[in-house]
Structures are given as C-alpha cells and as structure tokens.
Protein backbone atom coordinates (compact mmCIF):
# COMPACT_ATOMS: atom_id res chain seq x y z
CA ASP A 1 2.55 -5.07 14.96
CA ASP A 2 5.47 -5.24 12.57
CA ALA A 3 9.12 -5.49 13.51
CA ALA A 4 11.85 -4.34 11.16
CA ALA A 5 15.44 -5.06 12.14
CA PRO A 6 18.32 -2.86 10.98
CA VAL A 7 21.31 -4.90 9.87
CA GLY A 8 23.90 -5.54 12.55
CA THR A 9 25.62 -8.84 11.90
CA GLN A 10 24.89 -11.81 9.67
CA LEU A 11 22.61 -13.86 11.86
CA GLY A 12 22.11 -17.61 11.78
CA GLU A 13 18.53 -18.78 11.41
CA GLN A 14 18.23 -19.85 15.04
CA ALA A 15 19.44 -16.43 16.19
CA MET A 16 17.06 -14.82 13.71
CA ARG A 17 14.12 -16.70 15.21
CA ARG A 18 15.10 -15.58 18.70
CA GLY A 19 15.45 -12.04 17.44
CA ILE A 20 12.02 -12.05 15.83
CA ARG A 21 10.45 -13.16 19.12
CA THR A 22 12.38 -10.52 21.04
CA PHE A 23 11.33 -7.78 18.66
CA LEU A 24 7.72 -8.90 18.22
CA HIS A 25 6.65 -9.61 21.78
CA GLY A 26 9.58 -9.74 24.25
CA ALA A 27 9.70 -11.91 27.34
CA PRO A 28 6.08 -12.93 28.00
CA ARG A 29 6.26 -12.52 31.80
CA ASN A 30 8.80 -9.74 32.00
CA VAL A 31 7.64 -7.62 29.14
CA ASN A 32 8.62 -3.98 28.68
CA ARG A 33 6.86 -3.37 25.39
CA TRP A 34 4.39 -0.53 24.86
CA PHE A 35 2.26 -1.60 21.94
CA ASP A 36 -0.03 1.42 22.19
CA LYS A 37 2.82 3.72 21.14
CA SER A 38 3.33 4.69 17.49
CA PHE A 39 6.61 2.80 17.47
CA SER A 40 9.23 1.46 19.84
CA LEU A 41 12.95 1.18 19.15
CA VAL A 42 14.03 -2.15 20.68
CA THR A 43 17.72 -2.91 21.10
CA THR A 44 19.57 -5.91 22.53
CA ALA A 45 22.83 -6.20 24.42
CA SER A 46 24.47 -7.62 21.29
CA GLY A 47 23.65 -4.48 19.29
CA ALA A 48 20.78 -5.85 17.22
CA ALA A 49 17.86 -3.46 16.91
CA ALA A 50 14.35 -3.29 15.52
CA ILE A 51 11.43 -0.92 15.21
CA ASN A 52 8.21 -2.41 16.55
CA PHE A 53 5.37 -0.27 15.29
CA GLU A 54 1.64 0.01 15.78
CA HIS A 55 -0.05 0.03 12.39
CA ALA A 56 -2.94 2.49 12.79
CA TRP A 57 -0.89 5.63 12.19
CA GLY A 58 1.32 4.51 9.30
CA ASP A 59 2.87 1.79 7.19
CA GLY A 60 6.14 0.10 6.37
CA VAL A 61 7.25 2.79 3.90
CA SER A 62 7.52 5.37 6.69
CA VAL A 63 9.20 3.02 9.15
CA LEU A 64 11.63 1.74 6.52
CA ARG A 65 12.72 5.29 5.73
CA LEU A 66 13.25 5.97 9.44
CA ALA A 67 15.37 2.82 9.79
CA ASN A 68 17.39 3.63 6.67
CA GLU A 69 18.13 7.18 7.77
CA MET A 70 19.06 6.07 11.29
CA VAL A 71 21.64 3.62 9.96
CA GLU A 72 22.98 5.97 7.28
CA ASP A 73 23.29 8.86 9.72
CA ALA A 74 25.10 6.66 12.24
CA GLU A 75 27.52 5.47 9.56
CA GLN A 76 28.21 8.96 8.22
CA ARG A 77 28.66 10.57 11.64
CA HIS A 78 30.27 7.66 13.48
CA GLY A 79 33.35 9.65 14.55
CA ALA A 80 31.36 12.63 15.82
CA VAL A 81 28.89 10.40 17.68
CA ARG A 82 31.72 8.44 19.28
CA ALA A 83 33.41 11.66 20.45
CA ALA A 84 30.14 12.97 21.89
CA LEU A 85 29.54 9.72 23.79
CA ASP A 86 33.09 9.78 25.19
CA ALA A 87 32.60 13.38 26.33
CA ALA A 88 29.30 12.45 27.99
CA ASP A 89 30.96 9.53 29.77
CA ALA A 90 33.71 11.84 31.05
CA ALA A 91 31.13 14.36 32.29
CA ASP A 92 29.18 11.62 34.06
CA ALA A 93 32.35 10.40 35.79
CA ALA A 94 32.90 13.86 37.29
CA VAL A 95 29.46 13.91 38.91
CA GLU A 96 28.99 12.58 42.41
CA PRO A 97 27.00 9.33 42.24
CA TYR A 98 23.54 9.37 43.74
CA GLU A 99 21.14 6.66 44.77
CA LEU A 100 17.83 6.04 43.10
CA THR A 101 14.85 5.37 45.33
CA PRO A 102 12.44 2.89 43.78
CA ILE A 103 8.75 3.79 43.80
CA GLU A 104 6.70 1.15 45.56
CA PHE A 105 3.10 0.80 44.37
CA ASP A 106 0.37 -0.35 46.71
CA VAL A 107 -1.67 -2.43 44.27
CA PRO A 108 -5.16 -3.49 45.40
CA ALA A 109 -5.79 -7.24 45.30
CA ASP A 110 -8.46 -7.03 42.58
CA VAL A 111 -6.17 -4.95 40.36
CA GLN A 112 -3.33 -7.43 40.90
CA ARG A 113 -5.61 -10.30 39.91
CA THR A 114 -6.48 -8.46 36.70
CA ILE A 115 -2.79 -7.86 35.97
CA ASP A 116 -1.98 -11.50 36.64
CA ALA A 117 -4.80 -12.70 34.38
CA ALA A 118 -3.63 -10.39 31.57
CA THR A 119 -0.05 -11.62 32.01
CA ASP A 120 -1.19 -15.24 31.80
CA GLU A 121 -3.22 -14.51 28.66
CA TYR A 122 -0.29 -12.71 27.02
CA ALA A 123 2.13 -15.53 27.90
CA ALA A 124 -0.28 -18.11 26.45
CA TRP A 125 -0.60 -16.08 23.24
CA CYS A 126 3.19 -15.84 22.90
CA ASP A 127 3.51 -19.59 23.48
CA GLU A 128 0.95 -20.29 20.73
CA LEU A 129 2.94 -18.30 18.19
CA ASN A 130 5.16 -20.35 15.89
CA VAL A 131 8.13 -18.44 14.49
CA GLN A 132 10.23 -19.91 11.70
CA THR A 133 12.69 -18.62 9.14
CA ALA A 134 13.75 -19.75 5.69
CA VAL A 135 16.84 -18.28 4.06
CA VAL A 136 17.64 -19.22 0.48
CA GLN A 137 21.30 -18.48 -0.16
CA ASP A 138 23.30 -18.02 -3.36
CA PHE A 139 20.60 -16.44 -5.50
CA GLY A 140 18.07 -13.66 -5.27
CA LYS A 141 16.52 -10.81 -7.22
CA SER A 142 19.42 -10.47 -9.68
CA PHE A 143 18.87 -14.10 -10.73
CA PHE A 144 15.24 -13.42 -11.60
CA LYS A 145 16.13 -10.19 -13.39
CA GLN A 146 18.68 -12.09 -15.50
CA HIS A 147 15.76 -14.25 -16.60
CA LYS A 148 13.71 -11.07 -17.27
CA LEU A 149 11.27 -11.87 -14.47
CA SER A 150 9.81 -9.78 -11.66
CA PRO A 151 11.52 -10.90 -8.41
CA ASP A 152 8.41 -10.17 -6.35
CA GLY A 153 6.23 -12.00 -8.86
CA CYS A 154 8.45 -15.07 -8.59
CA VAL A 155 8.53 -15.02 -4.78
CA GLN A 156 4.77 -14.56 -4.52
CA ASN A 157 4.17 -17.46 -6.91
CA ALA A 158 6.62 -19.54 -4.87
CA ILE A 159 4.43 -18.80 -1.82
CA GLN A 160 1.38 -19.97 -3.78
CA LEU A 161 3.10 -23.19 -4.83
CA ALA A 162 4.45 -23.88 -1.33
CA TYR A 163 0.94 -23.63 0.11
CA ARG A 164 -0.51 -25.76 -2.68
CA ARG A 165 2.11 -28.45 -2.02
CA MET A 166 1.35 -28.42 1.69
CA TYR A 167 -2.44 -28.18 1.64
CA GLY A 168 -3.52 -28.93 -1.93
CA ALA A 169 -5.50 -25.68 -2.17
CA THR A 170 -5.39 -22.06 -3.27
CA VAL A 171 -6.47 -19.56 -0.61
CA ALA A 172 -7.02 -15.83 -0.15
CA THR A 173 -3.68 -14.06 -0.15
CA TYR A 174 -2.82 -10.52 0.86
CA GLU A 175 0.18 -8.44 -0.17
CA SER A 176 0.39 -4.77 0.68
CA ALA A 177 1.01 -2.10 -1.94
CA SER A 178 1.87 1.46 -1.00
CA THR A 179 -0.37 4.24 -2.25
CA ALA A 180 1.80 6.92 -0.64
CA GLY A 181 1.99 8.64 -4.04
CA PHE A 182 -1.52 9.95 -3.35
CA LYS A 183 -2.39 12.60 -0.78
CA CYS A 184 -3.28 10.75 2.45
CA GLY A 185 -2.53 7.49 0.64
CA ARG A 186 -1.80 4.46 2.77
CA THR A 187 -2.01 0.99 1.23
CA GLU A 188 -3.99 -1.12 -1.20
CA THR A 189 -4.26 -4.88 -1.44
CA ILE A 190 -2.46 -6.87 -4.10
CA ARG A 191 -4.08 -10.27 -4.71
CA PRO A 192 -1.29 -12.72 -5.65
CA ALA A 193 -3.66 -15.69 -5.96
CA THR A 194 -4.76 -15.37 -9.58
CA ALA A 195 -5.99 -17.68 -12.32
CA ASP A 196 -2.48 -17.54 -13.78
CA SER A 197 -0.87 -18.45 -10.45
CA VAL A 198 -3.20 -21.46 -10.25
CA ARG A 199 -2.14 -22.50 -13.76
CA PHE A 200 1.51 -22.16 -12.73
CA CYS A 201 0.91 -24.42 -9.72
CA ASP A 202 -0.88 -26.93 -11.96
CA ALA A 203 2.12 -27.02 -14.32
CA ALA A 204 4.63 -27.19 -11.45
CA LEU A 205 2.86 -30.21 -9.97
CA ASP A 206 2.38 -31.94 -13.32
CA ASP A 207 4.95 -34.75 -13.60
CA GLY A 208 4.41 -34.75 -17.36
CA ALA A 209 5.39 -31.09 -17.79
CA ASP A 210 9.00 -30.31 -18.60
CA ALA A 211 11.10 -27.46 -17.19
CA ARG A 212 10.26 -25.16 -20.10
CA GLN A 213 6.52 -25.58 -19.61
CA LYS A 214 6.85 -24.90 -15.88
CA ALA A 215 9.06 -21.85 -16.53
CA ASP A 216 6.64 -20.52 -19.18
CA ALA A 217 3.73 -20.82 -16.74
CA LEU A 218 5.76 -18.96 -14.12
CA ARG A 219 6.51 -16.17 -16.60
CA VAL A 220 2.83 -15.65 -17.30
CA ALA A 221 1.92 -15.70 -13.59
CA ALA A 222 4.77 -13.33 -12.66
CA LYS A 223 3.76 -10.91 -15.44
CA THR A 224 0.17 -10.92 -14.18
CA HIS A 225 1.39 -10.25 -10.65
CA ALA A 226 3.56 -7.32 -11.80
CA ALA A 227 0.56 -5.78 -13.57
CA ASN A 228 -1.55 -6.18 -10.41
CA VAL A 229 1.16 -4.46 -8.34
CA VAL A 230 1.08 -1.45 -10.67
CA ALA A 231 -2.72 -1.36 -10.64
CA ALA A 232 -2.93 -1.50 -6.84
CA SER A 233 -0.24 1.17 -6.39
CA THR A 234 -1.94 3.56 -8.80
CA GLY A 235 -5.38 3.55 -7.24
CA LYS A 236 -6.98 0.78 -9.28
CA GLY A 237 -7.42 -1.72 -6.45
CA VAL A 238 -10.82 -2.68 -5.05
CA ASP A 239 -10.24 -3.83 -1.47
CA ARG A 240 -9.93 -0.42 0.21
CA HIS A 241 -12.86 0.93 -1.79
CA LEU A 242 -15.09 -1.95 -0.69
CA PHE A 243 -13.85 -1.62 2.90
CA ALA A 244 -14.83 2.06 2.97
CA LEU A 245 -18.26 1.30 1.53
CA ARG A 246 -18.79 -1.41 4.16
CA CYS A 247 -17.83 1.00 6.95
CA LEU A 248 -20.31 3.56 5.64
CA ALA A 249 -23.02 0.91 5.42
CA GLN A 250 -22.36 -0.21 9.00
CA ARG A 251 -22.92 3.36 10.20
CA ASN A 252 -26.31 3.46 8.49
CA GLY A 253 -28.31 2.69 11.60
CA ASP A 254 -30.34 -0.51 11.59
CA ALA A 255 -30.40 -0.81 7.80
CA PRO A 256 -29.22 -4.22 6.58
CA LEU A 257 -25.84 -4.47 4.96
CA PRO A 258 -25.86 -4.72 1.16
CA ASP A 259 -25.78 -8.32 -0.02
CA VAL A 260 -22.22 -8.06 -1.31
CA PHE A 261 -20.91 -7.70 2.25
CA THR A 262 -22.76 -10.74 3.56
CA ASP A 263 -21.90 -12.97 0.62
CA VAL A 264 -19.78 -16.02 1.39
CA ALA A 265 -17.33 -15.03 -1.37
CA TYR A 266 -16.67 -11.65 0.30
CA ALA A 267 -16.04 -13.36 3.63
CA ARG A 268 -13.70 -15.88 2.02
CA VAL A 269 -11.61 -13.33 0.14
CA ASN A 270 -11.14 -11.34 3.35
CA HIS A 271 -10.07 -14.38 5.37
CA ASN A 272 -6.45 -13.92 4.36
CA ILE A 273 -4.75 -17.20 5.17
CA LEU A 274 -1.56 -15.97 3.51
CA SER A 275 -0.74 -12.46 4.73
CA THR A 276 2.48 -11.25 3.11
CA SER A 277 4.63 -8.15 3.10
CA THR A 278 8.13 -7.32 1.90
CA LEU A 279 10.86 -4.90 2.94
CA VAL A 280 13.74 -4.11 0.62
CA SER A 281 16.77 -2.30 2.04
CA ASP A 282 20.48 -2.86 2.42
CA HIS A 283 20.08 -1.86 6.07
CA ILE A 284 17.35 -4.34 6.96
CA VAL A 285 17.68 -8.03 7.79
CA GLY A 286 13.94 -8.46 7.47
CA GLY A 287 10.52 -7.80 8.93
CA GLY A 288 7.99 -9.95 10.69
CA PHE A 289 4.41 -9.96 11.96
CA GLY A 290 1.80 -12.37 13.22
CA PRO A 291 -0.88 -14.14 11.17
CA VAL A 292 -4.12 -12.21 10.69
CA VAL A 293 -6.32 -15.34 11.08
CA ARG A 294 -5.97 -18.39 13.32
CA ASP A 295 -5.40 -20.85 10.47
CA GLY A 296 -3.11 -18.57 8.50
CA PHE A 297 0.51 -17.55 8.08
CA GLY A 298 2.24 -14.22 8.48
CA ILE A 299 5.00 -14.06 5.86
CA GLY A 300 7.53 -11.25 5.91
CA TYR A 301 10.21 -11.54 3.24
CA SER A 302 13.22 -9.75 1.79
CA THR A 303 14.66 -10.31 -1.67
CA THR A 304 18.25 -9.17 -2.16
CA ASP A 305 20.86 -10.04 -4.78
CA ALA A 306 22.55 -12.44 -2.35
CA PHE A 307 19.63 -14.19 -0.68
CA ILE A 308 15.87 -14.47 -0.20
CA GLY A 309 14.78 -14.52 3.42
CA PHE A 310 11.43 -15.30 5.04
CA ALA A 311 10.06 -14.84 8.54
CA VAL A 312 7.04 -17.13 8.84
CA THR A 313 4.60 -17.09 11.75
CA SER A 314 1.55 -19.20 12.58
CA TYR A 315 -0.56 -20.22 15.56
CA LYS A 316 -0.40 -23.62 17.22
CA PRO A 317 -1.99 -26.01 16.43
CA ASP A 318 -3.87 -24.49 13.49
CA ALA A 319 -0.94 -24.07 11.08
CA GLU A 320 2.65 -25.31 11.04
CA ALA A 321 5.19 -22.61 10.25
CA ALA A 322 8.24 -24.92 10.17
CA GLN A 323 6.76 -27.18 7.50
CA PHE A 324 5.63 -24.21 5.41
CA ALA A 325 9.07 -22.57 5.66
CA ALA A 326 10.65 -25.83 4.43
CA HIS A 327 8.25 -25.90 1.46
CA LEU A 328 9.15 -22.31 0.64
CA ARG A 329 12.84 -23.11 0.58
CA ASP A 330 12.37 -26.22 -1.58
CA THR A 331 10.02 -24.43 -3.96
CA LEU A 332 12.45 -21.60 -4.65
CA PHE A 333 15.25 -24.04 -5.43
CA ASP A 334 12.87 -25.88 -7.78
CA ILE A 335 12.02 -22.62 -9.53
CA ARG A 336 15.71 -21.83 -9.98
CA ARG A 337 16.28 -25.28 -11.47
CA TRP A 338 13.30 -24.98 -13.85
CA LEU A 339 14.46 -21.59 -15.11
CA ASP A 340 18.02 -22.76 -15.63
CA ASP A 341 16.92 -26.00 -17.31
CA ALA A 342 14.44 -24.15 -19.54
CA GLU A 343 17.21 -21.78 -20.62
CA GLN A 344 19.43 -24.74 -21.53
CA GLN A 345 16.56 -26.36 -23.45
CA GLN A 346 16.02 -23.15 -25.38
CA LYS A 347 19.73 -22.86 -26.23
CA ALA A 348 19.85 -26.49 -27.34
CA ALA A 349 16.79 -26.02 -29.55
CA ALA A 350 18.31 -22.89 -31.09
CA ALA A 351 21.59 -24.74 -31.81
CA GLU A 352 19.74 -27.60 -33.51
CA SER A 353 17.87 -25.20 -35.77
CA GLU A 354 21.04 -23.51 -37.03
C-alpha cells in the first residue's frame, strides 16, 4: 500500500519517519487500518493526514488528484467550512447527552488464538520494516532545469549511483509511468538502470575523471531516462505486455510456460531491488511504500524547487535503509558540485579562447 501525506506543517525528518509508520501500518498491536478498502483517510491529532490506498483498483495519479482537490477545496472554502462546523457544534450542545453501550463479543478460544497469531505476525512484520528519510535542502528541480537537465532523470541516476556506491552493483530498478492517457490505462514500467546509467556511475566513481566528464556522463544518462519515460507513457513499454502474455500462458492448462518466462534473465529483471515512485504536488509532503522484495528498497521521492525528499524502506536484516538514505543525500550533493564545477570549467575554457 502507498501512503501520500497532504502538507500540514514542515516536518523534521524524525517526525517524518514517525508519520510514515503511522500512515503505512499504524500501531502494530492496536491497529485500526482496513487494508482491504480502496483507500483510507488517516489523520492524526496534530492535523497531519495521509491517504493509504490499496493498489488493485487504481494508481497514484488518481489518489494524488483526490489529495490535491481535498486541500484546495478546504483552502478555498475555509470560512464556510468553519461556520458549518461551529453550527454543528452548537446543535450538538443542545441535544441531551446519551450513553453508548459497548458491544461485547463472545469470541471462541480457537478464533482468539487465530487473531492473536495474526497480530503477532503483523507486529513482527512492522518491526522488520526499516523506515528512513533523506531530505536534500537548498536545491531541487529548478537547479536541474537551469542546467537543462531532466530533474527525474538526475534523481533516478542518483539512486543508481547511491546503490552502486553501497553494493558495487547495478540491479533491476522499477519506476512507474502513468498510461492514464489511454482508455483503461494504468501504468507501465520505466527501467532507469540503463547502459548509459552504468557509464555515468563508472565516470562518477573514476578518480581520474574531472567534473566535466562526470557531468557529461550524467547528461547522457538523464537524456536516455527522459526518452524512456516518454516511451513508457505512450504505450511503448514491454513489461506490461510480457506480464499479460505470461498470465495468458499460465491459464493454458498444463502446457509448459514459454522459455522466455522461465529464463533466468526474466526472473532477474522482475526481481526489482530498487522499487521507486514519485509524487509531485505543492500539497504533498511525500509518499511511501514497502519494498517489493526482501533484499530491496522502496523509494518514494518528491522533487520540488526547494528540496528533494526521499522516504526509503527496507526489511531487516536484508537491506539497510539508513545507510542507503545517507548515500542518496551525499550523491545528490556530489551531482550538484559536479554540475556547478563543470559549468565553471566551461566558462573558463570559453574565456581563454576569446
């Protein structure tokens, strides 16, 4: 399930981590979440709120629009809403109070044991979940646009480099693209791990490469990523097509699956160690979700003009979210430095040639 939090106040990272846990899973042994529902609006006593939604029926585009319109409507009609609430309070005060009688359930012992076992399992799952945040202040999407770069392409390549620094490898990476422009369209997969992203990581980790070489490699990788985003959003992706073909093959009785679906490469590309998704809105602090594989990371991120924020999740002890979040933060500051230094190198070279 995803959780998207409408903006209330500027939260510190520790408060953000607590909020993500509250909105994702609640108190493990006193939970009042209904994950089978299409979505739940979760609010706290401090006024923070989020939409926790089940993914089968829809995607982030729909939930983001709901969140945006809720906030905008509340802002536009604040006076009228306040007056209506005051009137309701006055009406309630005029009504004689009445006592509520709690319903007592007679739960059979075997049913209670099942409930207790499920509660223990849920609490253990919540305890295994690492939740970390990384907020990069003072620059964001406007910085990348000033350098004529795709903000999402830069952030996705930063994710690639952060993982490479931590594990020394490139792994299957998922980013969702909306295909809502098509009738019944849902999503397609963008694959941020490309040959060009690998070359960018090689250059970034090469002590002999200067800032301009690193920045040039980033430009190529970000351009490739932007082209892949357009392709996925316009029906030219392959993941959903292959998924549908596999589902049809699985329904074909006892016939063996085609070789492509049993190939080790197909299994590897669908073991998405880096599962990523972004929400962009002035009304949203961010979004978060759990990893899709035990040894992976769930990475929700927002890129605004003022900051770049990440909510990173992982499972203990298979992956360490705190260390990965630190690498993300350091990597983005490195990218900013390389771009600025490369620009200065270019200006200096131009001045010398005059």
